[in-house]
N, C-alpha and C. Protein backbone atom coordinates (compact mmCIF):
# COMPACT_ATOMS: atom_id res chain seq x y z
N MET A 1 -5.59 25.16 22.58
CA MET A 1 -5.97 24.25 21.51
C MET A 1 -7.08 23.35 22.01
N GLY A 2 -7.98 22.98 21.10
CA GLY A 2 -9.09 22.11 21.45
C GLY A 2 -8.94 20.75 20.81
N MET A 3 -9.92 19.89 21.07
CA MET A 3 -9.89 18.55 20.50
C MET A 3 -10.53 18.56 19.12
N VAL A 4 -9.95 17.81 18.19
CA VAL A 4 -10.49 17.66 16.84
C VAL A 4 -10.54 16.16 16.57
N GLY A 5 -11.75 15.63 16.45
CA GLY A 5 -11.88 14.20 16.17
C GLY A 5 -11.21 13.34 17.20
N GLY A 6 -11.22 13.76 18.48
CA GLY A 6 -10.61 12.98 19.54
C GLY A 6 -9.11 13.17 19.65
N ILE A 7 -8.53 14.00 18.79
CA ILE A 7 -7.09 14.24 18.81
C ILE A 7 -6.87 15.73 19.06
N GLU A 8 -5.87 16.04 19.85
CA GLU A 8 -5.56 17.44 20.15
C GLU A 8 -5.42 18.26 18.87
N ASP A 9 -6.02 19.45 18.87
CA ASP A 9 -5.95 20.37 17.74
C ASP A 9 -4.49 20.67 17.43
N PRO A 10 -4.03 20.38 16.21
CA PRO A 10 -2.59 20.48 15.93
C PRO A 10 -2.03 21.87 15.70
N ILE A 11 -2.87 22.88 15.39
CA ILE A 11 -2.32 24.19 15.06
C ILE A 11 -3.04 25.30 15.81
N THR A 12 -2.36 26.43 15.93
CA THR A 12 -2.95 27.65 16.49
C THR A 12 -2.87 28.72 15.41
N VAL A 13 -3.97 29.46 15.24
CA VAL A 13 -4.01 30.52 14.24
C VAL A 13 -4.41 31.81 14.95
N SER A 14 -3.60 32.86 14.78
CA SER A 14 -3.87 34.14 15.44
C SER A 14 -5.09 34.82 14.85
N ALA A 15 -5.63 35.78 15.59
CA ALA A 15 -6.79 36.55 15.12
C ALA A 15 -6.45 37.31 13.84
N SER A 16 -5.24 37.86 13.73
CA SER A 16 -4.87 38.61 12.52
C SER A 16 -4.74 37.67 11.32
N ALA A 17 -4.25 36.46 11.53
CA ALA A 17 -4.16 35.50 10.43
C ALA A 17 -5.55 35.07 9.98
N LEU A 18 -6.45 34.82 10.94
CA LEU A 18 -7.82 34.45 10.58
C LEU A 18 -8.52 35.57 9.81
N GLU A 19 -8.30 36.79 10.25
CA GLU A 19 -8.90 37.94 9.56
C GLU A 19 -8.41 38.02 8.11
N LYS A 20 -7.11 37.84 7.90
CA LYS A 20 -6.56 37.88 6.54
C LYS A 20 -7.05 36.70 5.71
N MET A 21 -7.12 35.52 6.32
CA MET A 21 -7.61 34.34 5.61
C MET A 21 -9.04 34.56 5.13
N ARG A 22 -9.89 35.12 6.01
CA ARG A 22 -11.28 35.39 5.64
C ARG A 22 -11.35 36.41 4.49
N ALA A 23 -10.53 37.44 4.57
CA ALA A 23 -10.52 38.47 3.52
C ALA A 23 -10.10 37.87 2.18
N LEU A 24 -9.08 37.03 2.18
CA LEU A 24 -8.62 36.38 0.94
C LEU A 24 -9.68 35.43 0.40
N MET A 25 -10.36 34.73 1.30
CA MET A 25 -11.41 33.81 0.87
C MET A 25 -12.59 34.59 0.27
N ASP A 26 -12.92 35.74 0.85
CA ASP A 26 -13.99 36.57 0.30
C ASP A 26 -13.63 37.06 -1.10
N GLU A 27 -12.35 37.39 -1.31
CA GLU A 27 -11.90 37.82 -2.64
C GLU A 27 -12.05 36.71 -3.66
N GLU A 28 -11.78 35.46 -3.23
CA GLU A 28 -11.92 34.31 -4.13
C GLU A 28 -13.38 34.07 -4.48
N GLY A 29 -14.27 34.25 -3.50
CA GLY A 29 -15.71 34.12 -3.70
C GLY A 29 -16.14 32.74 -4.17
N GLN A 30 -17.35 32.69 -4.70
CA GLN A 30 -17.93 31.50 -5.31
C GLN A 30 -18.00 30.30 -4.38
N GLY A 31 -18.62 30.46 -3.24
CA GLY A 31 -18.89 29.33 -2.37
C GLY A 31 -17.81 29.03 -1.36
N PRO A 32 -18.03 27.96 -0.61
CA PRO A 32 -17.10 27.62 0.47
C PRO A 32 -15.73 27.19 -0.06
N LEU A 33 -14.71 27.58 0.68
CA LEU A 33 -13.34 27.23 0.35
C LEU A 33 -12.65 26.65 1.57
N TYR A 34 -11.67 25.81 1.33
CA TYR A 34 -10.78 25.31 2.37
C TYR A 34 -9.44 25.99 2.19
N LEU A 35 -8.78 26.28 3.30
CA LEU A 35 -7.40 26.77 3.24
C LEU A 35 -6.49 25.58 3.51
N ARG A 36 -5.76 25.17 2.48
CA ARG A 36 -4.83 24.05 2.64
C ARG A 36 -3.47 24.60 3.04
N ILE A 37 -2.90 23.99 4.08
CA ILE A 37 -1.55 24.30 4.53
C ILE A 37 -0.74 23.02 4.41
N TRP A 38 0.42 23.09 3.77
CA TRP A 38 1.22 21.90 3.60
C TRP A 38 2.70 22.20 3.75
N VAL A 39 3.46 21.13 3.85
CA VAL A 39 4.92 21.20 3.89
C VAL A 39 5.43 20.41 2.69
N GLY A 40 6.36 21.00 1.96
CA GLY A 40 6.94 20.33 0.81
C GLY A 40 8.45 20.51 0.81
N GLY A 41 9.11 19.72 0.02
CA GLY A 41 10.55 19.85 -0.11
C GLY A 41 10.91 21.13 -0.83
N GLY A 42 12.02 21.73 -0.44
CA GLY A 42 12.49 22.94 -1.10
C GLY A 42 12.87 24.01 -0.12
N GLY A 43 13.05 25.20 -0.62
CA GLY A 43 13.50 26.30 0.23
C GLY A 43 14.97 26.14 0.56
N CYS A 44 15.51 27.13 1.22
CA CYS A 44 16.95 27.10 1.51
C CYS A 44 17.29 26.23 2.71
N ALA A 45 16.29 25.76 3.47
CA ALA A 45 16.59 24.93 4.65
C ALA A 45 16.10 23.49 4.50
N GLY A 46 15.50 23.13 3.36
CA GLY A 46 15.09 21.75 3.14
C GLY A 46 13.60 21.54 2.97
N PHE A 47 12.78 22.18 3.80
CA PHE A 47 11.33 22.11 3.69
C PHE A 47 10.77 23.52 3.60
N GLN A 48 9.62 23.65 2.95
CA GLN A 48 8.98 24.96 2.90
C GLN A 48 7.48 24.80 3.12
N TYR A 49 6.85 25.89 3.56
CA TYR A 49 5.41 25.91 3.81
C TYR A 49 4.68 26.34 2.55
N GLY A 50 3.48 25.82 2.39
CA GLY A 50 2.63 26.24 1.29
C GLY A 50 1.23 26.51 1.78
N PHE A 51 0.56 27.46 1.15
CA PHE A 51 -0.81 27.84 1.47
C PHE A 51 -1.56 27.98 0.15
N CYS A 52 -2.77 27.43 0.07
CA CYS A 52 -3.61 27.65 -1.10
C CYS A 52 -5.07 27.40 -0.73
N PHE A 53 -5.97 27.89 -1.56
CA PHE A 53 -7.39 27.63 -1.36
C PHE A 53 -7.82 26.50 -2.28
N GLU A 54 -8.69 25.64 -1.74
CA GLU A 54 -9.24 24.54 -2.53
C GLU A 54 -10.73 24.41 -2.24
N ARG A 55 -11.44 23.82 -3.16
CA ARG A 55 -12.88 23.63 -3.01
C ARG A 55 -13.24 22.25 -2.47
N THR A 56 -12.28 21.32 -2.48
CA THR A 56 -12.53 19.96 -2.00
C THR A 56 -11.38 19.51 -1.11
N THR A 57 -11.62 18.40 -0.43
CA THR A 57 -10.56 17.78 0.37
C THR A 57 -10.23 16.42 -0.23
N GLU A 58 -9.14 15.85 0.22
CA GLU A 58 -8.70 14.54 -0.24
C GLU A 58 -8.85 13.53 0.89
N PRO A 59 -8.95 12.23 0.57
CA PRO A 59 -9.01 11.21 1.62
C PRO A 59 -7.80 11.32 2.55
N GLY A 60 -8.03 11.25 3.84
CA GLY A 60 -6.96 11.33 4.82
C GLY A 60 -6.66 12.73 5.31
N ASP A 61 -7.19 13.76 4.63
CA ASP A 61 -6.97 15.13 5.07
C ASP A 61 -7.57 15.37 6.44
N ARG A 62 -6.92 16.19 7.22
CA ARG A 62 -7.44 16.65 8.52
C ARG A 62 -8.06 18.01 8.28
N VAL A 63 -9.35 18.16 8.54
CA VAL A 63 -10.05 19.44 8.41
C VAL A 63 -10.25 20.00 9.81
N ILE A 64 -9.77 21.22 10.01
CA ILE A 64 -9.80 21.86 11.33
C ILE A 64 -10.57 23.16 11.22
N GLU A 65 -11.60 23.31 12.01
CA GLU A 65 -12.41 24.53 12.04
C GLU A 65 -11.70 25.57 12.91
N LYS A 66 -11.43 26.72 12.35
CA LYS A 66 -10.79 27.82 13.07
C LYS A 66 -11.65 29.07 12.91
N ASP A 67 -12.61 29.26 13.80
CA ASP A 67 -13.44 30.46 13.81
C ASP A 67 -13.99 30.80 12.43
N GLY A 68 -14.61 29.80 11.79
CA GLY A 68 -15.23 30.01 10.49
C GLY A 68 -14.34 29.70 9.30
N VAL A 69 -13.07 29.45 9.52
CA VAL A 69 -12.15 29.09 8.44
C VAL A 69 -11.87 27.59 8.54
N GLN A 70 -12.06 26.89 7.43
CA GLN A 70 -11.78 25.46 7.38
C GLN A 70 -10.34 25.26 6.89
N VAL A 71 -9.46 24.84 7.79
CA VAL A 71 -8.06 24.61 7.47
C VAL A 71 -7.87 23.12 7.19
N VAL A 72 -7.18 22.79 6.10
CA VAL A 72 -6.96 21.41 5.70
C VAL A 72 -5.46 21.13 5.71
N ILE A 73 -5.10 19.98 6.30
CA ILE A 73 -3.70 19.54 6.33
C ILE A 73 -3.67 18.09 5.87
N ASP A 74 -2.80 17.79 4.90
CA ASP A 74 -2.69 16.42 4.41
C ASP A 74 -1.92 15.56 5.41
N PRO A 75 -2.09 14.23 5.35
CA PRO A 75 -1.46 13.36 6.35
C PRO A 75 0.06 13.37 6.35
N LEU A 76 0.70 13.66 5.23
CA LEU A 76 2.17 13.72 5.20
C LEU A 76 2.70 14.99 5.85
N SER A 77 1.95 16.09 5.74
CA SER A 77 2.38 17.37 6.32
C SER A 77 2.06 17.48 7.81
N LEU A 78 1.05 16.75 8.26
CA LEU A 78 0.58 16.89 9.64
C LEU A 78 1.67 16.74 10.69
N PRO A 79 2.56 15.74 10.60
CA PRO A 79 3.61 15.65 11.64
C PRO A 79 4.52 16.87 11.70
N TYR A 80 4.76 17.51 10.55
CA TYR A 80 5.62 18.69 10.51
C TYR A 80 4.90 19.94 11.00
N LEU A 81 3.57 19.92 10.95
CA LEU A 81 2.80 21.11 11.32
C LEU A 81 2.17 21.03 12.71
N THR A 82 2.24 19.89 13.35
CA THR A 82 1.66 19.76 14.69
C THR A 82 2.38 20.69 15.66
N GLY A 83 1.60 21.55 16.30
CA GLY A 83 2.16 22.49 17.28
C GLY A 83 2.51 23.86 16.72
N VAL A 84 2.30 24.08 15.40
CA VAL A 84 2.68 25.37 14.83
C VAL A 84 1.70 26.47 15.23
N ASP A 85 2.21 27.69 15.27
CA ASP A 85 1.42 28.90 15.45
C ASP A 85 1.52 29.68 14.14
N ILE A 86 0.37 30.04 13.57
CA ILE A 86 0.34 30.79 12.33
C ILE A 86 -0.16 32.19 12.62
N ASP A 87 0.60 33.17 12.18
CA ASP A 87 0.27 34.58 12.40
C ASP A 87 0.32 35.28 11.04
N TYR A 88 -0.25 36.47 10.98
CA TYR A 88 -0.15 37.30 9.77
C TYR A 88 0.43 38.64 10.19
N ARG A 89 1.45 39.07 9.47
CA ARG A 89 2.08 40.35 9.78
C ARG A 89 2.16 41.21 8.53
N ASP A 90 2.00 42.50 8.75
CA ASP A 90 2.16 43.49 7.68
C ASP A 90 3.04 44.58 8.27
N ASP A 91 4.35 44.50 7.99
CA ASP A 91 5.31 45.43 8.59
C ASP A 91 6.37 45.81 7.55
N LEU A 92 7.50 46.30 8.00
CA LEU A 92 8.55 46.74 7.08
C LEU A 92 9.09 45.60 6.21
N LYS A 93 8.95 44.36 6.67
CA LYS A 93 9.40 43.21 5.89
C LYS A 93 8.38 42.79 4.85
N GLY A 94 7.18 43.40 4.89
CA GLY A 94 6.12 43.08 3.94
C GLY A 94 4.96 42.38 4.61
N ALA A 95 3.95 42.08 3.83
CA ALA A 95 2.76 41.37 4.32
C ALA A 95 2.96 39.89 4.08
N ARG A 96 2.76 39.08 5.14
CA ARG A 96 3.02 37.65 5.01
C ARG A 96 2.44 36.87 6.16
N PHE A 97 2.22 35.58 5.92
CA PHE A 97 1.90 34.66 6.99
C PHE A 97 3.22 34.22 7.61
N VAL A 98 3.25 34.13 8.93
CA VAL A 98 4.45 33.73 9.65
C VAL A 98 4.12 32.45 10.41
N VAL A 99 4.96 31.43 10.25
CA VAL A 99 4.75 30.16 10.91
C VAL A 99 5.84 29.97 11.97
N LYS A 100 5.43 29.80 13.21
CA LYS A 100 6.35 29.46 14.29
C LYS A 100 6.21 27.96 14.51
N ASN A 101 7.27 27.23 14.23
CA ASN A 101 7.21 25.78 14.24
C ASN A 101 8.14 25.19 15.29
N PRO A 102 7.58 24.58 16.35
CA PRO A 102 8.42 23.98 17.38
C PRO A 102 9.14 22.72 16.91
N ASN A 103 8.75 22.18 15.76
CA ASN A 103 9.37 20.98 15.21
C ASN A 103 10.62 21.28 14.38
N ALA A 104 10.81 22.55 14.05
CA ALA A 104 11.94 22.94 13.20
C ALA A 104 13.24 22.96 14.00
N ARG A 105 14.24 22.27 13.48
CA ARG A 105 15.57 22.33 14.11
C ARG A 105 16.27 23.62 13.74
N THR A 106 16.12 24.02 12.48
CA THR A 106 16.67 25.29 12.01
C THR A 106 15.67 25.93 11.05
N THR A 107 15.77 27.24 10.91
CA THR A 107 14.95 27.95 9.93
C THR A 107 15.87 28.84 9.12
N CYS A 108 15.40 29.23 7.95
CA CYS A 108 16.20 30.12 7.12
C CYS A 108 15.95 31.57 7.55
N GLY A 109 16.74 32.47 7.05
CA GLY A 109 16.61 33.87 7.40
C GLY A 109 15.28 34.50 7.00
N CYS A 110 14.70 34.00 5.90
CA CYS A 110 13.43 34.57 5.44
C CYS A 110 12.24 34.02 6.22
N GLY A 111 12.41 32.88 6.91
CA GLY A 111 11.34 32.29 7.69
C GLY A 111 10.38 31.44 6.89
N ASN A 112 10.65 31.24 5.60
CA ASN A 112 9.75 30.46 4.76
C ASN A 112 10.13 29.00 4.64
N SER A 113 11.31 28.64 5.12
CA SER A 113 11.70 27.24 5.06
C SER A 113 12.37 26.84 6.36
N PHE A 114 12.46 25.50 6.55
CA PHE A 114 12.99 24.97 7.81
C PHE A 114 13.55 23.58 7.56
N SER A 115 14.30 23.09 8.54
CA SER A 115 14.74 21.70 8.53
C SER A 115 14.16 21.02 9.76
N ALA A 116 13.91 19.73 9.64
CA ALA A 116 13.30 18.98 10.75
C ALA A 116 14.19 17.83 11.15
């Protein structure tokens, strides 16, 4: 991890995840996009991850450059996402982004939600 704005880079993104992110962004087209990653209430373990593309950022957002992909994390999600590793897998369980979160006390069986 490298430094971002004087603070240690909070996330790691695998080469396969970056490749998929770029492909999805190319499909969206029409200029530069940010990939927003957030944590929200819900899921079977209490919190769940969310991913979406946006054209703008909000005040307080952390923008992190990852090999040509601009990842955005809001200030409320940042503590839950600090230290995560994001990967992309396409296997018998399906195609999906996988988040390994050292902050999670427990995770659900599907891997899409966690408790902190």
